[in-house]
């Protein structure tokens, strides 16, 4: 009787192990199917987000580069527009001293 009870318990344990293995395989299959279905959608979503970020970053870089080039152009144009010779602020383009300044200098001498 004890031997028969032991044999039945061993058989029941073997049946439970087989059932657990079958449930495990079903869960693995369901997980794989779900990942297969949603994996492509997740990949597409991330690819779209990456493209948007790249676009934003490149636009920002282009904007900053344009601003920097504008500043450089302004500095370069400003440097080119200056006269090559040194002049005082009260001198005209032709090199003559402004009359008011001469009068002021004469007053200072007296």
PDB file of N, CA and C in Angstrom:
ATOM      1  N   UNK A   1       0.824  -1.182   0.000  1.00  0.00           N
ATOM      2  CA  UNK A   1       0.000   0.000   0.000  1.00  0.00           C
ATOM      3  C   UNK A   1       0.876   1.257   0.000  1.00  0.00           C
ATOM      4  N   UNK A   2       1.884   1.287   0.788  1.00  0.00           N
ATOM      5  CA  UNK A   2       2.796   2.427   0.825  1.00  0.00           C
ATOM      6  C   UNK A   2       3.526   2.553  -0.507  1.00  0.00           C
ATOM      7  N   UNK A   3       3.872   1.426  -1.091  1.00  0.00           N
ATOM      8  CA  UNK A   3       4.574   1.448  -2.376  1.00  0.00           C
ATOM      9  C   UNK A   3       3.648   1.981  -3.462  1.00  0.00           C
ATOM     10  N   UNK A   4       2.378   1.585  -3.381  1.00  0.00           N
ATOM     11  CA  UNK A   4       1.415   2.058  -4.370  1.00  0.00           C
ATOM     12  C   UNK A   4       1.188   3.559  -4.212  1.00  0.00           C
ATOM     13  N   UNK A   5       1.094   4.046  -2.989  1.00  0.00           N
ATOM     14  CA  UNK A   5       0.914   5.467  -2.708  1.00  0.00           C
ATOM     15  C   UNK A   5       2.126   6.259  -3.215  1.00  0.00           C
ATOM     16  N   UNK A   6       3.311   5.708  -2.984  1.00  0.00           N
ATOM     17  CA  UNK A   6       4.530   6.353  -3.444  1.00  0.00           C
ATOM     18  C   UNK A   6       4.537   6.423  -4.972  1.00  0.00           C
ATOM     19  N   UNK A   7       4.162   5.404  -5.646  1.00  0.00           N
ATOM     20  CA  UNK A   7       4.139   5.345  -7.106  1.00  0.00           C
ATOM     21  C   UNK A   7       3.139   6.361  -7.657  1.00  0.00           C
ATOM     22  N   UNK A   8       1.968   6.479  -7.001  1.00  0.00           N
ATOM     23  CA  UNK A   8       0.969   7.450  -7.441  1.00  0.00           C
ATOM     24  C   UNK A   8       1.486   8.888  -7.265  1.00  0.00           C
ATOM     25  N   UNK A   9       2.168   9.153  -6.143  1.00  0.00           N
ATOM     26  CA  UNK A   9       2.719  10.496  -5.910  1.00  0.00           C
ATOM     27  C   UNK A   9       3.803  10.827  -6.929  1.00  0.00           C
ATOM     28  N   UNK A  10       4.633   9.863  -7.226  1.00  0.00           N
ATOM     29  CA  UNK A  10       5.678  10.087  -8.221  1.00  0.00           C
ATOM     30  C   UNK A  10       5.070  10.351  -9.599  1.00  0.00           C
ATOM     31  N   UNK A  11       4.018   9.614  -9.911  1.00  0.00           N
ATOM     32  CA  UNK A  11       3.327   9.826 -11.190  1.00  0.00           C
ATOM     33  C   UNK A  11       2.682  11.213 -11.236  1.00  0.00           C
ATOM     34  N   UNK A  12       2.079  11.631 -10.141  1.00  0.00           N
ATOM     35  CA  UNK A  12       1.444  12.953 -10.062  1.00  0.00           C
ATOM     36  C   UNK A  12       2.497  14.065 -10.188  1.00  0.00           C
ATOM     37  N   UNK A  13       3.646  13.878  -9.547  1.00  0.00           N
ATOM     38  CA  UNK A  13       4.734  14.866  -9.648  1.00  0.00           C
ATOM     39  C   UNK A  13       5.228  14.949 -11.091  1.00  0.00           C
ATOM     40  N   UNK A  14       5.357  13.808 -11.751  1.00  0.00           N
ATOM     41  CA  UNK A  14       5.792  13.785 -13.150  1.00  0.00           C
ATOM     42  C   UNK A  14       4.778  14.501 -14.038  1.00  0.00           C
ATOM     43  N   UNK A  15       3.475  14.294 -13.777  1.00  0.00           N
ATOM     44  CA  UNK A  15       2.422  14.965 -14.540  1.00  0.00           C
ATOM     45  C   UNK A  15       2.476  16.487 -14.331  1.00  0.00           C
ATOM     46  N   UNK A  16       2.707  16.890 -13.083  1.00  0.00           N
ATOM     47  CA  UNK A  16       2.806  18.330 -12.788  1.00  0.00           C
ATOM     48  C   UNK A  16       4.019  18.952 -13.488  1.00  0.00           C
ATOM     49  N   UNK A  17       5.131  18.236 -13.489  1.00  0.00           N
ATOM     50  CA  UNK A  17       6.325  18.739 -14.179  1.00  0.00           C
ATOM     51  C   UNK A  17       6.053  18.900 -15.672  1.00  0.00           C
ATOM     52  N   UNK A  18       5.394  17.960 -16.270  1.00  0.00           N
ATOM     53  CA  UNK A  18       5.079  18.016 -17.699  1.00  0.00           C
ATOM     54  C   UNK A  18       4.143  19.193 -17.982  1.00  0.00           C
ATOM     55  N   UNK A  19       3.158  19.372 -17.114  1.00  0.00           N
ATOM     56  CA  UNK A  19       2.218  20.482 -17.284  1.00  0.00           C
ATOM     57  C   UNK A  19       2.924  21.828 -17.120  1.00  0.00           C
ATOM     58  N   UNK A  20       3.823  21.934 -16.133  1.00  0.00           N
ATOM     59  CA  UNK A  20       4.584  23.167 -15.916  1.00  0.00           C
ATOM     60  C   UNK A  20       5.467  23.480 -17.140  1.00  0.00           C
ATOM     61  N   UNK A  21       6.090  22.447 -17.695  1.00  0.00           N
ATOM     62  CA  UNK A  21       6.922  22.621 -18.878  1.00  0.00           C
ATOM     63  C   UNK A  21       6.085  23.096 -20.064  1.00  0.00           C
ATOM     64  N   UNK A  22       4.897  22.531 -20.212  1.00  0.00           N
ATOM     65  CA  UNK A  22       4.003  22.930 -21.299  1.00  0.00           C
ATOM     66  C   UNK A  22       3.561  24.386 -21.120  1.00  0.00           C
ATOM     67  N   UNK A  23       3.197  24.788 -19.895  1.00  0.00           N
ATOM     68  CA  UNK A  23       2.797  26.181 -19.633  1.00  0.00           C
ATOM     69  C   UNK A  23       3.960  27.139 -19.889  1.00  0.00           C
ATOM     70  N   UNK A  24       5.144  26.718 -19.508  1.00  0.00           N
ATOM     71  CA  UNK A  24       6.328  27.544 -19.748  1.00  0.00           C
ATOM     72  C   UNK A  24       6.534  27.766 -21.247  1.00  0.00           C
ATOM     73  N   UNK A  25       6.405  26.726 -22.025  1.00  0.00           N
ATOM     74  CA  UNK A  25       6.567  26.830 -23.472  1.00  0.00           C
ATOM     75  C   UNK A  25       5.496  27.733 -24.096  1.00  0.00           C
ATOM     76  N   UNK A  26       4.262  27.635 -23.590  1.00  0.00           N
ATOM     77  CA  UNK A  26       3.181  28.499 -24.078  1.00  0.00           C
ATOM     78  C   UNK A  26       3.484  29.959 -23.750  1.00  0.00           C
ATOM     79  N   UNK A  27       3.988  30.221 -22.536  1.00  0.00           N
ATOM     80  CA  UNK A  27       4.327  31.593 -22.160  1.00  0.00           C
ATOM     81  C   UNK A  27       5.460  32.143 -23.023  1.00  0.00           C
ATOM     82  N   UNK A  28       6.455  31.329 -23.282  1.00  0.00           N
ATOM     83  CA  UNK A  28       7.563  31.763 -24.136  1.00  0.00           C
ATOM     84  C   UNK A  28       7.053  32.077 -25.543  1.00  0.00           C
ATOM     85  N   UNK A  29       6.194  31.240 -26.067  1.00  0.00           N
ATOM     86  CA  UNK A  29       5.640  31.456 -27.402  1.00  0.00           C
ATOM     87  C   UNK A  29       4.801  32.730 -27.450  1.00  0.00           C
ATOM     88  N   UNK A  30       3.967  32.945 -26.407  1.00  0.00           N
ATOM     89  CA  UNK A  30       3.134  34.157 -26.362  1.00  0.00           C
ATOM     90  C   UNK A  30       4.005  35.407 -26.257  1.00  0.00           C
ATOM     91  N   UNK A  31       5.052  35.341 -25.470  1.00  0.00           N
ATOM     92  CA  UNK A  31       5.961  36.477 -25.335  1.00  0.00           C
ATOM     93  C   UNK A  31       6.652  36.771 -26.664  1.00  0.00           C
ATOM     94  N   UNK A  32       7.111  35.736 -27.339  1.00  0.00           N
ATOM     95  CA  UNK A  32       7.759  35.908 -28.640  1.00  0.00           C
ATOM     96  C   UNK A  32       6.818  36.509 -29.670  1.00  0.00           C
ATOM     97  N   UNK A  33       5.572  36.044 -29.672  1.00  0.00           N
ATOM     98  CA  UNK A  33       4.581  36.575 -30.615  1.00  0.00           C
ATOM     99  C   UNK A  33       4.311  38.051 -30.340  1.00  0.00           C
ATOM    100  N   UNK A  34       4.163  38.386 -29.075  1.00  0.00           N
ATOM    101  CA  UNK A  34       3.897  39.780 -28.699  1.00  0.00           C
ATOM    102  C   UNK A  34       5.077  40.675 -29.074  1.00  0.00           C
ATOM    103  N   UNK A  35       6.277  40.210 -28.771  1.00  0.00           N
ATOM    104  CA  UNK A  35       7.462  40.998 -29.136  1.00  0.00           C
ATOM    105  C   UNK A  35       7.569  41.154 -30.646  1.00  0.00           C
ATOM    106  N   UNK A  36       7.217  40.105 -31.362  1.00  0.00           N
ATOM    107  CA  UNK A  36       7.251  40.182 -32.822  1.00  0.00           C
ATOM    108  C   UNK A  36       6.273  41.200 -33.358  1.00  0.00           C
ATOM    109  N   UNK A  37       5.078  41.237 -32.761  1.00  0.00           N
ATOM    110  CA  UNK A  37       4.062  42.187 -33.214  1.00  0.00           C
ATOM    111  C   UNK A  37       4.426  43.630 -32.879  1.00  0.00           C
ATOM    112  N   UNK A  38       4.872  43.858 -31.648  1.00  0.00           N
ATOM    113  CA  UNK A  38       5.135  45.218 -31.195  1.00  0.00           C
ATOM    114  C   UNK A  38       6.574  45.656 -31.408  1.00  0.00           C
ATOM    115  N   UNK A  39       7.467  44.707 -31.620  1.00  0.00           N
ATOM    116  CA  UNK A  39       8.870  45.062 -31.829  1.00  0.00           C
ATOM    117  C   UNK A  39       9.064  45.963 -33.028  1.00  0.00           C
ATOM    118  N   UNK A  40       8.387  45.658 -34.121  1.00  0.00           N
ATOM    119  CA  UNK A  40       8.481  46.491 -35.325  1.00  0.00           C
ATOM    120  C   UNK A  40       7.932  47.882 -35.085  1.00  0.00           C
ATOM    121  N   UNK A  41       6.828  47.968 -34.348  1.00  0.00           N
ATOM    122  CA  UNK A  41       6.235  49.276 -34.050  1.00  0.00           C
ATOM    123  C   UNK A  41       7.163  50.097 -33.157  1.00  0.00           C
ATOM    124  N   UNK A  42       7.757  49.425 -32.170  1.00  0.00           N
ATOM    125  CA  UNK A  42       8.684  50.120 -31.273  1.00  0.00           C
ATOM    126  C   UNK A  42       9.891  50.613 -32.056  1.00  0.00           C
ATOM    127  N   UNK A  43      10.422  49.777 -32.924  1.00  0.00           N
ATOM    128  CA  UNK A  43      11.577  50.153 -33.747  1.00  0.00           C
ATOM    129  C   UNK A  43      11.228  51.352 -34.624  1.00  0.00           C
ATOM    130  N   UNK A  44      10.077  51.310 -35.268  1.00  0.00           N
ATOM    131  CA  UNK A  44       9.656  52.424 -36.124  1.00  0.00           C
ATOM    132  C   UNK A  44       9.506  53.718 -35.327  1.00  0.00           C
ATOM    133  N   UNK A  45       8.946  53.591 -34.118  1.00  0.00           N
ATOM    134  CA  UNK A  45       8.759  54.758 -33.265  1.00  0.00           C
ATOM    135  C   UNK A  45      10.113  55.379 -32.899  1.00  0.00           C
ATOM    136  N   UNK A  46      11.068  54.549 -32.514  1.00  0.00           N
ATOM    137  CA  UNK A  46      12.386  55.058 -32.155  1.00  0.00           C
ATOM    138  C   UNK A  46      13.102  55.649 -33.370  1.00  0.00           C
ATOM    139  N   UNK A  47      12.962  55.038 -34.520  1.00  0.00           N
ATOM    140  CA  UNK A  47      13.581  55.580 -35.733  1.00  0.00           C
ATOM    141  C   UNK A  47      13.011  56.961 -36.051  1.00  0.00           C
ATOM    142  N   UNK A  48      11.700  57.116 -35.904  1.00  0.00           N
ATOM    143  CA  UNK A  48      11.060  58.405 -36.162  1.00  0.00           C
ATOM    144  C   UNK A  48      11.568  59.453 -35.166  1.00  0.00           C
ATOM    145  N   UNK A  49      11.655  59.072 -33.891  1.00  0.00           N
ATOM    146  CA  UNK A  49      12.138  60.008 -32.868  1.00  0.00           C
ATOM    147  C   UNK A  49      13.588  60.404 -33.150  1.00  0.00           C
ATOM    148  N   UNK A  50      14.414  59.465 -33.576  1.00  0.00           N
ATOM    149  CA  UNK A  50      15.810  59.757 -33.886  1.00  0.00           C
ATOM    150  C   UNK A  50      15.904  60.713 -35.074  1.00  0.00           C
ATOM    151  N   UNK A  51      15.106  60.483 -36.109  1.00  0.00           N
ATOM    152  CA  UNK A  51      15.115  61.376 -37.267  1.00  0.00           C
ATOM    153  C   UNK A  51      14.698  62.797 -36.869  1.00  0.00           C
ATOM    154  N   UNK A  52      13.676  62.912 -36.019  1.00  0.00           N
ATOM    155  CA  UNK A  52      13.225  64.229 -35.577  1.00  0.00           C
ATOM    156  C   UNK A  52      14.318  64.942 -34.779  1.00  0.00           C
ATOM    157  N   UNK A  53      14.981  64.204 -33.885  1.00  0.00           N
ATOM    158  CA  UNK A  53      16.057  64.798 -33.098  1.00  0.00           C
ATOM    159  C   UNK A  53      17.221  65.228 -33.991  1.00  0.00           C
ATOM    160  N   UNK A  54      17.573  64.390 -34.950  1.00  0.00           N
ATOM    161  CA  UNK A  54      18.647  64.755 -35.880  1.00  0.00           C
ATOM    162  C   UNK A  54      18.286  66.019 -36.646  1.00  0.00           C
ATOM    163  N   UNK A  55      17.057  66.110 -37.082  1.00  0.00           N
ATOM    164  CA  UNK A  55      16.611  67.281 -37.825  1.00  0.00           C
ATOM    165  C   UNK A  55      16.704  68.537 -36.955  1.00  0.00           C
ATOM    166  N   UNK A  56      16.250  68.427 -35.708  1.00  0.00           N
ATOM    167  CA  UNK A  56      16.310  69.566 -34.792  1.00  0.00           C
ATOM    168  C   UNK A  56      17.753  69.980 -34.521  1.00  0.00           C
ATOM    169  N   UNK A  57      18.607  68.991 -34.287  1.00  0.00           N
ATOM    170  CA  UNK A  57      20.009  69.292 -33.980  1.00  0.00           C
ATOM    171  C   UNK A  57      20.685  69.941 -35.183  1.00  0.00           C
ATOM    172  N   UNK A  58      20.493  69.384 -36.371  1.00  0.00           N
ATOM    173  CA  UNK A  58      21.112  69.957 -37.555  1.00  0.00           C
ATOM    174  C   UNK A  58      20.568  71.349 -37.851  1.00  0.00           C
ATOM    175  N   UNK A  59      19.293  71.586 -37.615  1.00  0.00           N
ATOM    176  CA  UNK A  59      18.722  72.923 -37.810  1.00  0.00           C
ATOM    177  C   UNK A  59      19.347  73.919 -36.844  1.00  0.00           C
ATOM    178  N   UNK A  60      19.511  73.499 -35.601  1.00  0.00           N
ATOM    179  CA  UNK A  60      20.123  74.374 -34.595  1.00  0.00           C
ATOM    180  C   UNK A  60      21.580  74.657 -34.946  1.00  0.00           C
ATOM    181  N   UNK A  61      22.299  73.645 -35.396  1.00  0.00           N
ATOM    182  CA  UNK A  61      23.689  73.837 -35.798  1.00  0.00           C
ATOM    183  C   UNK A  61      23.763  74.803 -36.981  1.00  0.00           C
ATOM    184  N   UNK A  62      22.889  74.627 -37.956  1.00  0.00           N
ATOM    185  CA  UNK A  62      22.879  75.512 -39.123  1.00  0.00           C
ATOM    186  C   UNK A  62      22.557  76.946 -38.709  1.00  0.00           C
ATOM    187  N   UNK A  63      21.630  77.118 -37.778  1.00  0.00           N
ATOM    188  CA  UNK A  63      21.271  78.448 -37.308  1.00  0.00           C
ATOM    189  C   UNK A  63      22.448  79.105 -36.593  1.00  0.00           C
ATOM    190  N   UNK A  64      23.089  78.359 -35.710  1.00  0.00           N
ATOM    191  CA  UNK A  64      24.240  78.897 -34.973  1.00  0.00           C
ATOM    192  C   UNK A  64      25.392  79.229 -35.934  1.00  0.00           C
ATOM    193  N   UNK A  65      25.612  78.363 -36.910  1.00  0.00           N
ATOM    194  CA  UNK A  65      26.665  78.595 -37.893  1.00  0.00           C
ATOM    195  C   UNK A  65      26.356  79.862 -38.702  1.00  0.00           C
ATOM    196  N   UNK A  66      25.100  80.020 -39.090  1.00  0.00           N
ATOM    197  CA  UNK A  66      24.691  81.214 -39.822  1.00  0.00           C
ATOM    198  C   UNK A  66      24.898  82.478 -39.009  1.00  0.00           C
ATOM    199  N   UNK A  67      24.555  82.412 -37.720  1.00  0.00           N
ATOM    200  CA  UNK A  67      24.765  83.566 -36.852  1.00  0.00           C
ATOM    201  C   UNK A  67      26.250  83.898 -36.745  1.00  0.00           C
ATOM    202  N   UNK A  68      27.064  82.882 -36.564  1.00  0.00           N
ATOM    203  CA  UNK A  68      28.508  83.099 -36.453  1.00  0.00           C
ATOM    204  C   UNK A  68      29.072  83.678 -37.751  1.00  0.00           C
ATOM    205  N   UNK A  69      28.632  83.160 -38.881  1.00  0.00           N
ATOM    206  CA  UNK A  69      29.107  83.671 -40.163  1.00  0.00           C
ATOM    207  C   UNK A  69      28.655  85.113 -40.360  1.00  0.00           C
ATOM    208  N   UNK A  70      27.438  85.437 -39.923  1.00  0.00           N
ATOM    209  CA  UNK A  70      26.962  86.816 -40.009  1.00  0.00           C
ATOM    210  C   UNK A  70      27.815  87.759 -39.186  1.00  0.00           C
ATOM    211  N   UNK A  71      28.190  87.317 -37.992  1.00  0.00           N
ATOM    212  CA  UNK A  71      29.055  88.146 -37.147  1.00  0.00           C
ATOM    213  C   UNK A  71      30.428  88.322 -37.788  1.00  0.00           C
ATOM    214  N   UNK A  72      30.957  87.235 -38.316  1.00  0.00           N
ATOM    215  CA  UNK A  72      32.263  87.326 -38.980  1.00  0.00           C
ATOM    216  C   UNK A  72      32.198  88.244 -40.190  1.00  0.00           C
ATOM    217  N   UNK A  73      31.128  88.129 -40.974  1.00  0.00           N
ATOM    218  CA  UNK A  73      30.970  89.004 -42.136  1.00  0.00           C
ATOM    219  C   UNK A  73      30.873  90.462 -41.706  1.00  0.00           C
ATOM    220  N   UNK A  74      30.143  90.720 -40.623  1.00  0.00           N
ATOM    221  CA  UNK A  74      30.003  92.096 -40.135  1.00  0.00           C
ATOM    222  C   UNK A  74      31.353  92.638 -39.684  1.00  0.00           C
ATOM    223  N   UNK A  75      32.121  91.835 -38.998  1.00  0.00           N
ATOM    224  CA  UNK A  75      33.447  92.267 -38.559  1.00  0.00           C
ATOM    225  C   UNK A  75      34.357  92.471 -39.764  1.00  0.00           C
ATOM    226  N   UNK A  76      34.299  91.564 -40.710  1.00  0.00           N
ATOM    227  CA  UNK A  76      35.147  91.672 -41.899  1.00  0.00           C
ATOM    228  C   UNK A  76      34.768  92.906 -42.718  1.00  0.00           C
ATOM    229  N   UNK A  77      33.481  93.183 -42.878  1.00  0.00           N
ATOM    230  CA  UNK A  77      33.047  94.362 -43.631  1.00  0.00           C
ATOM    231  C   UNK A  77      33.435  95.631 -42.897  1.00  0.00           C
ATOM    232  N   UNK A  78      33.301  95.629 -41.571  1.00  0.00           N
ATOM    233  CA  UNK A  78      33.661  96.788 -40.767  1.00  0.00           C
ATOM    234  C   UNK A  78      35.156  97.063 -40.899  1.00  0.00           C
ATOM    235  N   UNK A  79      35.960  96.039 -40.885  1.00  0.00           N
ATOM    236  CA  UNK A  79      37.409  96.204 -41.008  1.00  0.00           C
ATOM    237  C   UNK A  79      37.772  96.705 -42.399  1.00  0.00           C
ATOM    238  N   UNK A  80      37.105  96.236 -43.424  1.00  0.00           N
ATOM    239  CA  UNK A  80      37.396  96.665 -44.791  1.00  0.00           C
ATOM    240  C   UNK A  80      36.958  98.109 -45.026  1.00  0.00           C
ATOM    241  N   UNK A  81      35.892  98.556 -44.350  1.00  0.00           N
ATOM    242  CA  UNK A  81      35.371  99.893 -44.599  1.00  0.00           C
ATOM    243  C   UNK A  81      36.199 100.971 -43.898  1.00  0.00           C
ATOM    244  N   UNK A  82      37.024 100.605 -42.924  1.00  0.00           N
ATOM    245  CA  UNK A  82      37.865 101.585 -42.238  1.00  0.00           C
ATOM    246  C   UNK A  82      39.009 102.028 -43.148  1.00  0.00           C
ATOM    247  N   UNK A  83      39.421 103.244 -42.906  1.00  0.00           N
ATOM    248  CA  UNK A  83      40.539 103.784 -43.677  1.00  0.00           C
ATOM    249  C   UNK A  83      41.824 103.092 -43.249  1.00  0.00           C
ATOM    250  N   UNK A  84      42.773 103.023 -44.158  1.00  0.00           N
ATOM    251  CA  UNK A  84      44.043 102.378 -43.866  1.00  0.00           C
ATOM    252  C   UNK A  84      44.979 103.308 -43.088  1.00  0.00           C
ATOM    253  N   UNK A  85      44.715 104.608 -43.147  1.00  0.00           N
ATOM    254  CA  UNK A  85      45.598 105.539 -42.444  1.00  0.00           C
ATOM    255  C   UNK A  85      44.914 106.020 -41.165  1.00  0.00           C
ATOM    256  N   UNK A  86      45.735 106.459 -40.235  1.00  0.00           N
ATOM    257  CA  UNK A  86      45.215 106.914 -38.949  1.00  0.00           C
ATOM    258  C   UNK A  86      44.755 108.355 -39.063  1.00  0.00           C
ATOM    259  N   UNK A  87      43.556 108.659 -38.542  1.00  0.00           N
ATOM    260  CA  UNK A  87      43.033 110.016 -38.554  1.00  0.00           C
ATOM    261  C   UNK A  87      42.504 110.355 -37.177  1.00  0.00           C
ATOM    262  N   UNK A  88      42.599 111.625 -36.835  1.00  0.00           N
ATOM    263  CA  UNK A  88      41.959 112.093 -35.623  1.00  0.00           C
ATOM    264  C   UNK A  88      40.476 112.288 -35.876  1.00  0.00           C
ATOM    265  N   UNK A  89      39.692 112.335 -34.832  1.00  0.00           N
ATOM    266  CA  UNK A  89      38.245 112.446 -34.980  1.00  0.00           C
ATOM    267  C   UNK A  89      37.840 113.781 -35.575  1.00  0.00           C
ATOM    268  N   UNK A  90      38.641 114.826 -35.402  1.00  0.00           N
ATOM    269  CA  UNK A  90      38.270 116.145 -35.909  1.00  0.00           C
ATOM    270  C   UNK A  90      38.798 116.401 -37.306  1.00  0.00           C
ATOM    271  N   UNK A  91      39.388 115.411 -37.977  1.00  0.00           N
ATOM    272  CA  UNK A  91      39.888 115.581 -39.332  1.00  0.00           C
ATOM    273  C   UNK A  91      38.841 115.147 -40.341  1.00  0.00           C
ATOM    274  N   UNK A  92      38.848 115.857 -41.468  1.00  0.00           N
ATOM    275  CA  UNK A  92      37.949 115.492 -42.542  1.00  0.00           C
ATOM    276  C   UNK A  92      38.591 114.395 -43.373  1.00  0.00           C
ATOM    277  N   UNK A  93      37.824 113.896 -44.324  1.00  0.00           N
ATOM    278  CA  UNK A  93      38.351 112.855 -45.200  1.00  0.00           C
ATOM    279  C   UNK A  93      39.528 113.338 -46.041  1.00  0.00           C
ATOM    280  N   UNK A  94      39.531 114.643 -46.340  1.00  0.00           N
ATOM    281  CA  UNK A  94      40.620 115.156 -47.181  1.00  0.00           C
ATOM    282  C   UNK A  94      41.853 115.518 -46.370  1.00  0.00           C
ATOM    283  N   UNK A  95      41.807 115.343 -45.047  1.00  0.00           N
ATOM    284  CA  UNK A  95      42.975 115.575 -44.211  1.00  0.00           C
ATOM    285  C   UNK A  95      42.986 116.928 -43.541  1.00  0.00           C
ATOM    286  N   UNK A  96      42.057 117.841 -43.887  1.00  0.00           N
ATOM    287  CA  UNK A  96      42.000 119.157 -43.256  1.00  0.00           C
ATOM    288  C   UNK A  96      41.393 119.036 -41.873  1.00  0.00           C
ATOM    289  N   UNK A  97      41.867 119.877 -40.977  1.00  0.00           N
ATOM    290  CA  UNK A  97      41.328 119.914 -39.616  1.00  0.00           C
ATOM    291  C   UNK A  97      40.072 120.756 -39.639  1.00  0.00           C
ATOM    292  N   UNK A  98      39.058 120.355 -38.898  1.00  0.00           N
ATOM    293  CA  UNK A  98      37.799 121.079 -38.844  1.00  0.00           C
ATOM    294  C   UNK A  98      38.044 122.436 -38.185  1.00  0.00           C
ATOM    295  N   UNK A  99      37.426 123.488 -38.731  1.00  0.00           N
ATOM    296  CA  UNK A  99      37.678 124.866 -38.288  1.00  0.00           C
ATOM    297  C   UNK A  99      37.338 125.066 -36.816  1.00  0.00           C
ATOM    298  N   UNK A 100      36.281 124.484 -36.339  1.00  0.00           N
ATOM    299  CA  UNK A 100      35.902 124.664 -34.942  1.00  0.00           C
ATOM    300  C   UNK A 100      37.003 124.170 -34.026  1.00  0.00           C
ATOM    301  N   UNK A 101      37.606 123.087 -34.398  1.00  0.00           N
ATOM    302  CA  UNK A 101      38.665 122.529 -33.577  1.00  0.00           C
ATOM    303  C   UNK A 101      39.869 123.456 -33.546  1.00  0.00           C
ATOM    304  N   UNK A 102      40.169 124.095 -34.653  1.00  0.00           N
ATOM    305  CA  UNK A 102      41.297 125.041 -34.702  1.00  0.00           C
ATOM    306  C   UNK A 102      41.024 126.204 -33.782  1.00  0.00           C
ATOM    307  N   UNK A 103      39.795 126.694 -33.777  1.00  0.00           N
ATOM    308  CA  UNK A 103      39.433 127.801 -32.887  1.00  0.00           C
ATOM    309  C   UNK A 103      39.571 127.368 -31.437  1.00  0.00           C
ATOM    310  N   UNK A 104      39.171 126.168 -31.127  1.00  0.00           N
ATOM    311  CA  UNK A 104      39.278 125.670 -29.746  1.00  0.00           C
ATOM    312  C   UNK A 104      40.754 125.561 -29.340  1.00  0.00           C
ATOM    313  N   UNK A 105      41.586 125.113 -30.242  1.00  0.00           N
ATOM    314  CA  UNK A 105      43.007 124.984 -29.942  1.00  0.00           C
ATOM    315  C   UNK A 105      43.620 126.355 -29.729  1.00  0.00           C
ATOM    316  N   UNK A 106      43.234 127.348 -30.537  1.00  0.00           N
ATOM    317  CA  UNK A 106      43.750 128.697 -30.398  1.00  0.00           C
ATOM    318  C   UNK A 106      43.351 129.295 -29.045  1.00  0.00           C
ATOM    319  N   UNK A 107      42.140 129.020 -28.610  1.00  0.00           N
ATOM    320  CA  UNK A 107      41.686 129.530 -27.306  1.00  0.00           C
ATOM    321  C   UNK A 107      42.497 128.892 -26.185  1.00  0.00           C
ATOM    322  N   UNK A 108      42.833 127.648 -26.310  1.00  0.00           N
ATOM    323  CA  UNK A 108      43.606 126.986 -25.282  1.00  0.00           C
ATOM    324  C   UNK A 108      45.026 127.536 -25.196  1.00  0.00           C
ATOM    325  N   UNK A 109      45.567 127.970 -26.294  1.00  0.00           N
ATOM    326  CA  UNK A 109      46.937 128.499 -26.328  1.00  0.00           C
ATOM    327  C   UNK A 109      47.005 129.847 -25.614  1.00  0.00           C
ATOM    328  N   UNK A 110      45.936 130.611 -25.648  1.00  0.00           N
ATOM    329  CA  UNK A 110      45.937 131.951 -25.057  1.00  0.00           C
ATOM    330  C   UNK A 110      45.809 131.955 -23.594  1.00  0.00           C
TER     331      UNK A 110
END
